[in-house]
Amino acid sequence: METRRLFLYLASAFGMTWIVFFAYILSGHIWMADGALSGMDQFVSLGMLLPALAALFTRWVTKEGFAVTGKDSLLLCISFRDGKWKYFVLAIILPWIYFELGYALMLLLSPGAFDPSYPTVLEMTDQERPLIFLQPLMMMLSGTIGSFAAFGEEAGWRGYMMPKMIKLWGVKKAVIIGGALWGIWHWPLTYVGHNFGREYFGYPFTGFGAMCLMCVFMGMILTYVTYRSGSIWPAVFLHAVNNASPSILQYFVNGDNIVGWKADSVVSSLILLLPMMGIGFYCLTNMRFDDKISSI
């Protein structure tokens, strides 16, 4: 039954979402074709809500129920007891930490990219420049409050798919397979320029591979905070804040001064997220399959 539920969920999540994604592609749209989100880009982003709908559909069809807490539940509970509060805090601040480290790594590899005047290039006034140093806090707040799309994904991937995979295959195999599938789910949007654009070496296949790699390691962190807290909410908050890209250093990195292979958008994205990948590997080595994790 668990296997049937897992595959029904995956078929539903991919099927419903890819109908939306491929309708977007076949209508000739390119992600942020004019450098800004169009109305159609924003509409297709609603596809991020469909993994949650697929989980509810699977629960309904297979008569699994809709318990909010406990074993095989929706994992919607919020508890700060037994030290669980720290995983909610960690989820909100961790993206800032690894993005700041990522930009520091980019500057270490390309020192010429550091440009103290770059905020001026971004057309910031003298009055706006101090806001750069508040940007991480603002992104944490806005990401946490506006985590609607992230909830749609996490209620499906971490709230439903991962508990099933962990029961069937164990933690390590589950996070690798689950992360790869999560990356593949993004492929239609990767094809039209989401994440990396379309001008990188090996388009679109290197983008497909990079997306899977990034999702595997991000999935390790998201599964870890879900496991430790017994709730999907830390994963929701982390996912949303990650998408907001909190960082101070990013305003002083002039990408025009990054040259050679490091200027490739896929390569630069992987460099930026190397600290995140290291944290993901740490999370993986600290997850064990036991009674506690089997109950998430």
C-alpha atoms as a PDB file:
ATOM      1  CA  MET A   1       0.000   0.000   0.000  1.00  0.00           C
ATOM      2  CA  GLU A   2       2.818   2.459   0.840  1.00  0.00           C
ATOM      3  CA  THR A   3       4.399   1.797  -2.559  1.00  0.00           C
ATOM      4  CA  ARG A   4       1.085   2.335  -4.349  1.00  0.00           C
ATOM      5  CA  ARG A   5       0.499   5.556  -2.435  1.00  0.00           C
ATOM      6  CA  LEU A   6       3.974   6.827  -3.274  1.00  0.00           C
ATOM      7  CA  PHE A   7       3.631   6.156  -6.984  1.00  0.00           C
ATOM      8  CA  LEU A   8       0.105   7.566  -7.120  1.00  0.00           C
ATOM      9  CA  TYR A   9       1.390  10.712  -5.430  1.00  0.00           C
ATOM     10  CA  LEU A  10       4.301  11.057  -7.866  1.00  0.00           C
ATOM     11  CA  ALA A  11       2.053  10.478 -10.882  1.00  0.00           C
ATOM     12  CA  SER A  12      -0.402  13.083  -9.575  1.00  0.00           C
ATOM     13  CA  ALA A  13       2.232  15.675  -8.652  1.00  0.00           C
ATOM     14  CA  PHE A  14       4.104  15.371 -11.936  1.00  0.00           C
ATOM     15  CA  GLY A  15       0.973  15.027 -14.046  1.00  0.00           C
ATOM     16  CA  MET A  16      -0.925  18.018 -12.673  1.00  0.00           C
ATOM     17  CA  THR A  17       2.115  20.294 -12.557  1.00  0.00           C
ATOM     18  CA  TRP A  18       3.571  19.372 -15.928  1.00  0.00           C
ATOM     19  CA  ILE A  19       0.227  20.075 -17.610  1.00  0.00           C
ATOM     20  CA  VAL A  20       0.614  23.657 -16.373  1.00  0.00           C
ATOM     21  CA  PHE A  21       4.331  23.845 -17.168  1.00  0.00           C
ATOM     22  CA  PHE A  22       4.027  22.420 -20.689  1.00  0.00           C
ATOM     23  CA  ALA A  23       1.054  24.638 -21.482  1.00  0.00           C
ATOM     24  CA  TYR A  24       3.338  27.549 -20.598  1.00  0.00           C
ATOM     25  CA  ILE A  25       6.132  26.205 -22.818  1.00  0.00           C
ATOM     26  CA  LEU A  26       3.944  25.301 -25.792  1.00  0.00           C
ATOM     27  CA  SER A  27       2.392  28.767 -25.755  1.00  0.00           C
ATOM     28  CA  GLY A  28       5.874  30.132 -26.506  1.00  0.00           C
ATOM     29  CA  HIS A  29       6.733  31.702 -23.170  1.00  0.00           C
ATOM     30  CA  ILE A  30      10.267  32.179 -21.849  1.00  0.00           C
ATOM     31  CA  TRP A  31      10.865  32.704 -18.138  1.00  0.00           C
ATOM     32  CA  MET A  32      11.356  36.407 -17.416  1.00  0.00           C
ATOM     33  CA  ALA A  33      11.754  37.120 -21.127  1.00  0.00           C
ATOM     34  CA  ASP A  34      11.904  40.865 -20.469  1.00  0.00           C
ATOM     35  CA  GLY A  35      14.010  40.592 -17.333  1.00  0.00           C
ATOM     36  CA  ALA A  36      11.000  40.755 -15.014  1.00  0.00           C
ATOM     37  CA  LEU A  37       8.207  38.413 -13.992  1.00  0.00           C
ATOM     38  CA  SER A  38       5.310  38.678 -16.419  1.00  0.00           C
ATOM     39  CA  GLY A  39       1.721  37.930 -15.511  1.00  0.00           C
ATOM     40  CA  MET A  40       2.046  34.525 -17.167  1.00  0.00           C
ATOM     41  CA  ASP A  41       5.252  33.794 -15.209  1.00  0.00           C
ATOM     42  CA  GLN A  42       3.400  34.531 -11.999  1.00  0.00           C
ATOM     43  CA  PHE A  43       0.457  32.388 -13.082  1.00  0.00           C
ATOM     44  CA  VAL A  44       2.614  29.377 -13.879  1.00  0.00           C
ATOM     45  CA  SER A  45       4.223  29.773 -10.458  1.00  0.00           C
ATOM     46  CA  LEU A  46       0.905  28.575  -9.054  1.00  0.00           C
ATOM     47  CA  GLY A  47       2.033  25.155 -10.236  1.00  0.00           C
ATOM     48  CA  MET A  48       4.191  25.129  -7.108  1.00  0.00           C
ATOM     49  CA  LEU A  49       0.983  24.566  -5.118  1.00  0.00           C
ATOM     50  CA  LEU A  50       0.085  21.366  -6.940  1.00  0.00           C
ATOM     51  CA  PRO A  51       2.343  18.931  -4.998  1.00  0.00           C
ATOM     52  CA  ALA A  52       0.225  19.724  -1.912  1.00  0.00           C
ATOM     53  CA  LEU A  53      -2.942  19.115  -3.910  1.00  0.00           C
ATOM     54  CA  ALA A  54      -1.500  15.822  -5.179  1.00  0.00           C
ATOM     55  CA  ALA A  55      -0.822  14.728  -1.589  1.00  0.00           C
ATOM     56  CA  LEU A  56      -4.423  15.503  -0.570  1.00  0.00           C
ATOM     57  CA  PHE A  57      -5.720  13.710  -3.669  1.00  0.00           C
ATOM     58  CA  THR A  58      -3.630  10.619  -2.881  1.00  0.00           C
ATOM     59  CA  ARG A  59      -4.805  10.586   0.742  1.00  0.00           C
ATOM     60  CA  TRP A  60      -8.420  10.818  -0.399  1.00  0.00           C
ATOM     61  CA  VAL A  61      -8.193   8.111  -3.092  1.00  0.00           C
ATOM     62  CA  THR A  62      -6.317   5.655  -0.856  1.00  0.00           C
ATOM     63  CA  LYS A  63      -8.411   6.440   2.252  1.00  0.00           C
ATOM     64  CA  GLU A  64      -5.298   7.384   4.210  1.00  0.00           C
ATOM     65  CA  GLY A  65      -7.054  10.157   6.083  1.00  0.00           C
ATOM     66  CA  PHE A  66      -6.141  13.729   6.874  1.00  0.00           C
ATOM     67  CA  ALA A  67      -4.769  13.636  10.420  1.00  0.00           C
ATOM     68  CA  VAL A  68      -2.987  16.881  11.286  1.00  0.00           C
ATOM     69  CA  THR A  69      -0.538  15.360  13.778  1.00  0.00           C
ATOM     70  CA  GLY A  70       0.887  11.958  14.618  1.00  0.00           C
ATOM     71  CA  LYS A  71       1.988   9.029  12.515  1.00  0.00           C
ATOM     72  CA  ASP A  72       1.239   9.297   8.783  1.00  0.00           C
ATOM     73  CA  SER A  73      -0.203  12.775   9.330  1.00  0.00           C
ATOM     74  CA  LEU A  74      -0.044  16.003   7.346  1.00  0.00           C
ATOM     75  CA  LEU A  75       2.736  17.166   9.729  1.00  0.00           C
ATOM     76  CA  LEU A  76       1.039  20.513  10.228  1.00  0.00           C
ATOM     77  CA  CYS A  77       1.639  20.684  13.968  1.00  0.00           C
ATOM     78  CA  ILE A  78       3.887  23.315  15.491  1.00  0.00           C
ATOM     79  CA  SER A  79       5.600  22.364  18.738  1.00  0.00           C
ATOM     80  CA  PHE A  80       8.463  24.204  20.414  1.00  0.00           C
ATOM     81  CA  ARG A  81       8.918  21.588  23.153  1.00  0.00           C
ATOM     82  CA  ASP A  82      12.019  19.390  23.578  1.00  0.00           C
ATOM     83  CA  GLY A  83      14.213  21.865  21.755  1.00  0.00           C
ATOM     84  CA  LYS A  84      12.154  21.795  18.548  1.00  0.00           C
ATOM     85  CA  TRP A  85      11.963  25.596  18.536  1.00  0.00           C
ATOM     86  CA  LYS A  86      15.576  25.817  17.428  1.00  0.00           C
ATOM     87  CA  TYR A  87      14.797  24.122  14.106  1.00  0.00           C
ATOM     88  CA  PHE A  88      12.233  26.811  13.319  1.00  0.00           C
ATOM     89  CA  VAL A  89      14.830  29.496  14.066  1.00  0.00           C
ATOM     90  CA  LEU A  90      17.524  27.603  12.162  1.00  0.00           C
ATOM     91  CA  ALA A  91      15.268  27.253   9.130  1.00  0.00           C
ATOM     92  CA  ILE A  92      14.790  31.010   8.927  1.00  0.00           C
ATOM     93  CA  ILE A  93      18.432  32.082   9.352  1.00  0.00           C
ATOM     94  CA  LEU A  94      20.244  29.208   7.608  1.00  0.00           C
ATOM     95  CA  PRO A  95      19.697  30.475   4.026  1.00  0.00           C
ATOM     96  CA  TRP A  96      21.309  33.778   4.977  1.00  0.00           C
ATOM     97  CA  ILE A  97      24.325  31.933   6.345  1.00  0.00           C
ATOM     98  CA  TYR A  98      24.933  29.761   3.299  1.00  0.00           C
ATOM     99  CA  PHE A  99      24.181  32.502   0.760  1.00  0.00           C
ATOM    100  CA  GLU A 100      26.612  34.863   2.482  1.00  0.00           C
ATOM    101  CA  LEU A 101      29.254  32.116   2.515  1.00  0.00           C
ATOM    102  CA  GLY A 102      28.475  31.385  -1.132  1.00  0.00           C
ATOM    103  CA  TYR A 103      29.044  34.960  -2.238  1.00  0.00           C
ATOM    104  CA  ALA A 104      32.220  35.075  -0.156  1.00  0.00           C
ATOM    105  CA  LEU A 105      33.402  31.981  -2.025  1.00  0.00           C
ATOM    106  CA  MET A 106      32.596  33.638  -5.361  1.00  0.00           C
ATOM    107  CA  LEU A 107      34.707  36.643  -4.365  1.00  0.00           C
ATOM    108  CA  LEU A 108      37.516  34.379  -3.218  1.00  0.00           C
ATOM    109  CA  LEU A 109      37.580  32.713  -6.643  1.00  0.00           C
ATOM    110  CA  SER A 110      37.020  35.987  -8.542  1.00  0.00           C
ATOM    111  CA  PRO A 111      38.474  38.846  -6.442  1.00  0.00           C
ATOM    112  CA  GLY A 112      37.985  41.291  -9.301  1.00  0.00           C
ATOM    113  CA  ALA A 113      34.230  40.911  -8.963  1.00  0.00           C
ATOM    114  CA  PHE A 114      34.205  42.838  -5.683  1.00  0.00           C
ATOM    115  CA  ASP A 115      32.846  46.287  -6.471  1.00  0.00           C
ATOM    116  CA  PRO A 116      32.020  48.660  -3.576  1.00  0.00           C
ATOM    117  CA  SER A 117      30.300  50.991  -6.044  1.00  0.00           C
ATOM    118  CA  TYR A 118      28.039  48.294  -7.465  1.00  0.00           C
ATOM    119  CA  PRO A 119      24.940  49.396  -5.487  1.00  0.00           C
ATOM    120  CA  THR A 120      25.213  52.662  -7.427  1.00  0.00           C
ATOM    121  CA  VAL A 121      25.148  50.661 -10.656  1.00  0.00           C
ATOM    122  CA  LEU A 122      21.942  49.080  -9.346  1.00  0.00           C
ATOM    123  CA  GLU A 123      20.532  52.634  -9.197  1.00  0.00           C
ATOM    124  CA  MET A 124      20.357  52.797  -5.429  1.00  0.00           C
ATOM    125  CA  THR A 125      20.304  56.238  -3.930  1.00  0.00           C
ATOM    126  CA  ASP A 126      22.444  57.252  -0.964  1.00  0.00           C
ATOM    127  CA  GLN A 127      19.326  56.964   1.194  1.00  0.00           C
ATOM    128  CA  GLU A 128      18.643  53.423  -0.017  1.00  0.00           C
ATOM    129  CA  ARG A 129      22.160  52.057   0.401  1.00  0.00           C
ATOM    130  CA  PRO A 130      21.886  51.480   4.186  1.00  0.00           C
ATOM    131  CA  LEU A 131      18.928  49.187   3.474  1.00  0.00           C
ATOM    132  CA  ILE A 132      21.413  46.722   1.962  1.00  0.00           C
ATOM    133  CA  PHE A 133      22.466  45.764   5.466  1.00  0.00           C
ATOM    134  CA  LEU A 134      18.856  45.117   6.470  1.00  0.00           C
ATOM    135  CA  GLN A 135      18.161  43.036   3.374  1.00  0.00           C
ATOM    136  CA  PRO A 136      18.666  39.623   5.052  1.00  0.00           C
ATOM    137  CA  LEU A 137      16.231  40.518   7.829  1.00  0.00           C
ATOM    138  CA  MET A 138      13.670  41.828   5.335  1.00  0.00           C
ATOM    139  CA  MET A 139      14.008  38.700   3.187  1.00  0.00           C
ATOM    140  CA  MET A 140      13.631  36.453   6.247  1.00  0.00           C
ATOM    141  CA  LEU A 141      10.458  38.271   7.234  1.00  0.00           C
ATOM    142  CA  SER A 142       8.955  38.471   3.760  1.00  0.00           C
ATOM    143  CA  GLY A 143       9.930  34.884   2.964  1.00  0.00           C
ATOM    144  CA  THR A 144       8.422  33.532   6.169  1.00  0.00           C
ATOM    145  CA  ILE A 145       5.227  35.555   5.894  1.00  0.00           C
ATOM    146  CA  GLY A 146       4.785  34.982   2.167  1.00  0.00           C
ATOM    147  CA  SER A 147       5.623  31.264   2.114  1.00  0.00           C
ATOM    148  CA  PHE A 148       2.489  30.310   0.169  1.00  0.00           C
ATOM    149  CA  ALA A 149       4.217  28.648  -2.803  1.00  0.00           C
ATOM    150  CA  ALA A 150       6.828  26.990  -0.582  1.00  0.00           C
ATOM    151  CA  PHE A 151       4.020  25.448   1.470  1.00  0.00           C
ATOM    152  CA  GLY A 152       2.587  23.971  -1.726  1.00  0.00           C
ATOM    153  CA  GLU A 153       5.848  22.183  -2.457  1.00  0.00           C
ATOM    154  CA  GLU A 154       6.823  21.165   1.060  1.00  0.00           C
ATOM    155  CA  ALA A 155       3.379  19.788   1.974  1.00  0.00           C
ATOM    156  CA  GLY A 156       3.931  17.408  -0.940  1.00  0.00           C
ATOM    157  CA  TRP A 157       7.641  16.626  -1.114  1.00  0.00           C
ATOM    158  CA  ARG A 158       8.639  16.635   2.559  1.00  0.00           C
ATOM    159  CA  GLY A 159       5.180  16.196   4.055  1.00  0.00           C
ATOM    160  CA  TYR A 160       4.128  13.217   1.949  1.00  0.00           C
ATOM    161  CA  MET A 161       6.775  11.872  -0.436  1.00  0.00           C
ATOM    162  CA  MET A 162       9.738  11.706   1.948  1.00  0.00           C
ATOM    163  CA  PRO A 163       8.009   9.827   4.817  1.00  0.00           C
ATOM    164  CA  LYS A 164       6.887   7.216   2.287  1.00  0.00           C
ATOM    165  CA  MET A 165      10.346   6.879   0.741  1.00  0.00           C
ATOM    166  CA  ILE A 166      12.038   6.720   4.132  1.00  0.00           C
ATOM    167  CA  LYS A 167       9.797   3.866   5.220  1.00  0.00           C
ATOM    168  CA  LEU A 168      10.415   1.974   2.003  1.00  0.00           C
ATOM    169  CA  TRP A 169      14.124   2.597   1.391  1.00  0.00           C
ATOM    170  CA  GLY A 170      15.732   4.251   4.411  1.00  0.00           C
ATOM    171  CA  VAL A 171      16.903   7.817   4.870  1.00  0.00           C
ATOM    172  CA  LYS A 172      19.993   8.002   2.682  1.00  0.00           C
ATOM    173  CA  LYS A 173      18.513   6.367  -0.379  1.00  0.00           C
ATOM    174  CA  ALA A 174      15.279   8.322   0.092  1.00  0.00           C
ATOM    175  CA  VAL A 175      16.868  11.779   0.164  1.00  0.00           C
ATOM    176  CA  ILE A 176      18.931  11.040  -2.949  1.00  0.00           C
ATOM    177  CA  ILE A 177      16.074   9.567  -4.980  1.00  0.00           C
ATOM    178  CA  GLY A 178      13.570  12.083  -3.634  1.00  0.00           C
ATOM    179  CA  GLY A 179      15.883  15.014  -4.320  1.00  0.00           C
ATOM    180  CA  ALA A 180      16.586  13.835  -7.857  1.00  0.00           C
ATOM    181  CA  LEU A 181      12.861  13.483  -8.561  1.00  0.00           C
ATOM    182  CA  TRP A 182      12.239  16.937  -7.124  1.00  0.00           C
ATOM    183  CA  GLY A 183      14.911  18.277  -9.493  1.00  0.00           C
ATOM    184  CA  ILE A 184      13.383  16.479 -12.480  1.00  0.00           C
ATOM    185  CA  TRP A 185       9.996  17.967 -11.573  1.00  0.00           C
ATOM    186  CA  HIS A 186      11.572  21.427 -12.180  1.00  0.00           C
ATOM    187  CA  TRP A 187      12.960  20.514 -15.622  1.00  0.00           C
ATOM    188  CA  PRO A 188      10.249  22.132 -17.784  1.00  0.00           C
ATOM    189  CA  LEU A 189      10.869  25.486 -16.085  1.00  0.00           C
ATOM    190  CA  THR A 190      14.633  24.948 -16.243  1.00  0.00           C
ATOM    191  CA  TYR A 191      14.205  24.463 -20.001  1.00  0.00           C
ATOM    192  CA  VAL A 192      12.577  27.878 -20.405  1.00  0.00           C
ATOM    193  CA  GLY A 193      15.238  29.677 -18.376  1.00  0.00           C
ATOM    194  CA  HIS A 194      14.214  29.434 -14.735  1.00  0.00           C
ATOM    195  CA  ASN A 195      17.232  29.345 -12.368  1.00  0.00           C
ATOM    196  CA  PHE A 196      20.015  29.509 -14.995  1.00  0.00           C
ATOM    197  CA  GLY A 197      18.714  31.358 -18.036  1.00  0.00           C
ATOM    198  CA  ARG A 198      19.400  29.738 -21.423  1.00  0.00           C
ATOM    199  CA  GLU A 199      22.865  30.934 -22.366  1.00  0.00           C
ATOM    200  CA  TYR A 200      24.976  28.469 -20.392  1.00  0.00           C
ATOM    201  CA  PHE A 201      27.261  25.732 -21.695  1.00  0.00           C
ATOM    202  CA  GLY A 202      25.422  22.504 -22.520  1.00  0.00           C
ATOM    203  CA  TYR A 203      21.925  24.034 -22.383  1.00  0.00           C
ATOM    204  CA  PRO A 204      19.582  22.553 -21.289  1.00  0.00           C
ATOM    205  CA  PHE A 205      21.192  19.322 -20.119  1.00  0.00           C
ATOM    206  CA  THR A 206      23.792  20.765 -17.767  1.00  0.00           C
ATOM    207  CA  GLY A 207      20.980  22.821 -16.244  1.00  0.00           C
ATOM    208  CA  PHE A 208      18.920  19.669 -15.760  1.00  0.00           C
ATOM    209  CA  GLY A 209      21.816  17.954 -14.001  1.00  0.00           C
ATOM    210  CA  ALA A 210      22.611  20.973 -11.837  1.00  0.00           C
ATOM    211  CA  MET A 211      18.963  21.284 -10.802  1.00  0.00           C
ATOM    212  CA  CYS A 212      18.896  17.675  -9.637  1.00  0.00           C
ATOM    213  CA  LEU A 213      22.174  18.083  -7.750  1.00  0.00           C
ATOM    214  CA  MET A 214      20.969  21.224  -6.009  1.00  0.00           C
ATOM    215  CA  CYS A 215      17.637  19.637  -5.102  1.00  0.00           C
ATOM    216  CA  VAL A 216      19.302  16.541  -3.664  1.00  0.00           C
ATOM    217  CA  PHE A 217      21.409  18.596  -1.254  1.00  0.00           C
ATOM    218  CA  MET A 218      18.644  21.081  -0.463  1.00  0.00           C
ATOM    219  CA  GLY A 219      16.353  18.132   0.140  1.00  0.00           C
ATOM    220  CA  MET A 220      18.793  16.821   2.749  1.00  0.00           C
ATOM    221  CA  ILE A 221      18.434  20.030   4.758  1.00  0.00           C
ATOM    222  CA  LEU A 222      14.664  20.241   4.315  1.00  0.00           C
ATOM    223  CA  THR A 223      14.196  16.608   5.343  1.00  0.00           C
ATOM    224  CA  TYR A 224      16.473  17.125   8.344  1.00  0.00           C
ATOM    225  CA  VAL A 225      14.530  20.081   9.761  1.00  0.00           C
ATOM    226  CA  THR A 226      11.253  18.242   9.105  1.00  0.00           C
ATOM    227  CA  TYR A 227      12.556  15.152  10.898  1.00  0.00           C
ATOM    228  CA  ARG A 228      13.929  17.071  13.875  1.00  0.00           C
ATOM    229  CA  SER A 229      10.859  19.249  14.360  1.00  0.00           C
ATOM    230  CA  GLY A 230       8.167  16.730  13.419  1.00  0.00           C
ATOM    231  CA  SER A 231       6.580  19.437  11.264  1.00  0.00           C
ATOM    232  CA  ILE A 232       6.727  20.652   7.677  1.00  0.00           C
ATOM    233  CA  TRP A 233       6.737  24.301   8.752  1.00  0.00           C
ATOM    234  CA  PRO A 234      10.521  24.662   9.232  1.00  0.00           C
ATOM    235  CA  ALA A 235      10.983  23.250   5.714  1.00  0.00           C
ATOM    236  CA  VAL A 236       8.352  25.683   4.406  1.00  0.00           C
ATOM    237  CA  PHE A 237      10.098  28.655   6.019  1.00  0.00           C
ATOM    238  CA  LEU A 238      13.575  27.555   4.906  1.00  0.00           C
ATOM    239  CA  HIS A 239      12.396  26.978   1.334  1.00  0.00           C
ATOM    240  CA  ALA A 240      10.695  30.383   1.191  1.00  0.00           C
ATOM    241  CA  VAL A 241      13.629  32.315   2.683  1.00  0.00           C
ATOM    242  CA  ASN A 242      16.008  30.452   0.349  1.00  0.00           C
ATOM    243  CA  ASN A 243      13.947  31.598  -2.637  1.00  0.00           C
ATOM    244  CA  ALA A 244      14.231  35.188  -1.378  1.00  0.00           C
ATOM    245  CA  SER A 245      18.078  34.909  -1.516  1.00  0.00           C
ATOM    246  CA  PRO A 246      19.045  36.852   1.621  1.00  0.00           C
ATOM    247  CA  SER A 247      22.562  38.284   1.391  1.00  0.00           C
ATOM    248  CA  ILE A 248      24.469  41.510   1.916  1.00  0.00           C
ATOM    249  CA  LEU A 249      27.500  40.533  -0.152  1.00  0.00           C
ATOM    250  CA  GLN A 250      25.447  40.003  -3.304  1.00  0.00           C
ATOM    251  CA  TYR A 251      25.166  43.786  -3.636  1.00  0.00           C
ATOM    252  CA  PHE A 252      28.934  44.077  -3.932  1.00  0.00           C
ATOM    253  CA  VAL A 253      29.492  41.280  -6.466  1.00  0.00           C
ATOM    254  CA  ASN A 254      29.587  42.660  -9.996  1.00  0.00           C
ATOM    255  CA  GLY A 255      28.894  39.680 -12.222  1.00  0.00           C
ATOM    256  CA  ASP A 256      30.263  41.506 -15.250  1.00  0.00           C
ATOM    257  CA  ASN A 257      33.725  41.174 -13.719  1.00  0.00           C
ATOM    258  CA  ILE A 258      33.495  37.385 -13.403  1.00  0.00           C
ATOM    259  CA  VAL A 259      35.123  35.914 -16.499  1.00  0.00           C
ATOM    260  CA  GLY A 260      35.912  32.536 -18.015  1.00  0.00           C
ATOM    261  CA  TRP A 261      34.284  29.305 -16.913  1.00  0.00           C
ATOM    262  CA  LYS A 262      33.191  30.854 -13.615  1.00  0.00           C
ATOM    263  CA  ALA A 263      30.893  33.243 -15.526  1.00  0.00           C
ATOM    264  CA  ASP A 264      28.728  30.371 -16.770  1.00  0.00           C
ATOM    265  CA  SER A 265      25.375  30.636 -14.972  1.00  0.00           C
ATOM    266  CA  VAL A 266      25.269  26.954 -14.027  1.00  0.00           C
ATOM    267  CA  VAL A 267      28.837  27.025 -12.689  1.00  0.00           C
ATOM    268  CA  SER A 268      28.288  30.268 -10.769  1.00  0.00           C
ATOM    269  CA  SER A 269      25.088  28.866  -9.242  1.00  0.00           C
ATOM    270  CA  LEU A 270      26.894  25.731  -8.084  1.00  0.00           C
ATOM    271  CA  ILE A 271      29.727  27.808  -6.600  1.00  0.00           C
ATOM    272  CA  LEU A 272      27.196  29.979  -4.794  1.00  0.00           C
ATOM    273  CA  LEU A 273      25.449  26.937  -3.349  1.00  0.00           C
ATOM    274  CA  LEU A 274      28.526  24.927  -2.376  1.00  0.00           C
ATOM    275  CA  PRO A 275      28.164  25.962   1.297  1.00  0.00           C
ATOM    276  CA  MET A 276      24.532  24.829   1.191  1.00  0.00           C
ATOM    277  CA  MET A 277      25.652  21.487  -0.219  1.00  0.00           C
ATOM    278  CA  GLY A 278      28.181  21.091   2.588  1.00  0.00           C
ATOM    279  CA  ILE A 279      25.460  21.771   5.162  1.00  0.00           C
ATOM    280  CA  GLY A 280      23.207  19.289   3.374  1.00  0.00           C
ATOM    281  CA  PHE A 281      25.861  16.588   3.582  1.00  0.00           C
ATOM    282  CA  TYR A 282      26.253  17.288   7.308  1.00  0.00           C
ATOM    283  CA  CYS A 283      22.488  16.914   7.762  1.00  0.00           C
ATOM    284  CA  LEU A 284      22.519  13.610   5.884  1.00  0.00           C
ATOM    285  CA  THR A 285      25.244  12.167   8.103  1.00  0.00           C
ATOM    286  CA  ASN A 286      23.204  13.114  11.180  1.00  0.00           C
ATOM    287  CA  MET A 287      19.958  11.446  10.097  1.00  0.00           C
ATOM    288  CA  ARG A 288      19.267   7.897  11.189  1.00  0.00           C
ATOM    289  CA  PHE A 289      16.329   5.631  10.430  1.00  0.00           C
ATOM    290  CA  ASP A 290      14.729   4.882  13.790  1.00  0.00           C
ATOM    291  CA  ASP A 291      11.309   4.886  15.413  1.00  0.00           C
ATOM    292  CA  LYS A 292      11.328   8.672  15.652  1.00  0.00           C
ATOM    293  CA  ILE A 293      11.941   9.358  11.988  1.00  0.00           C
ATOM    294  CA  SER A 294       9.590   6.595  10.846  1.00  0.00           C
ATOM    295  CA  SER A 295       6.755   8.422  12.569  1.00  0.00           C
ATOM    296  CA  ILE A 296       7.087  11.713  10.690  1.00  0.00           C
END
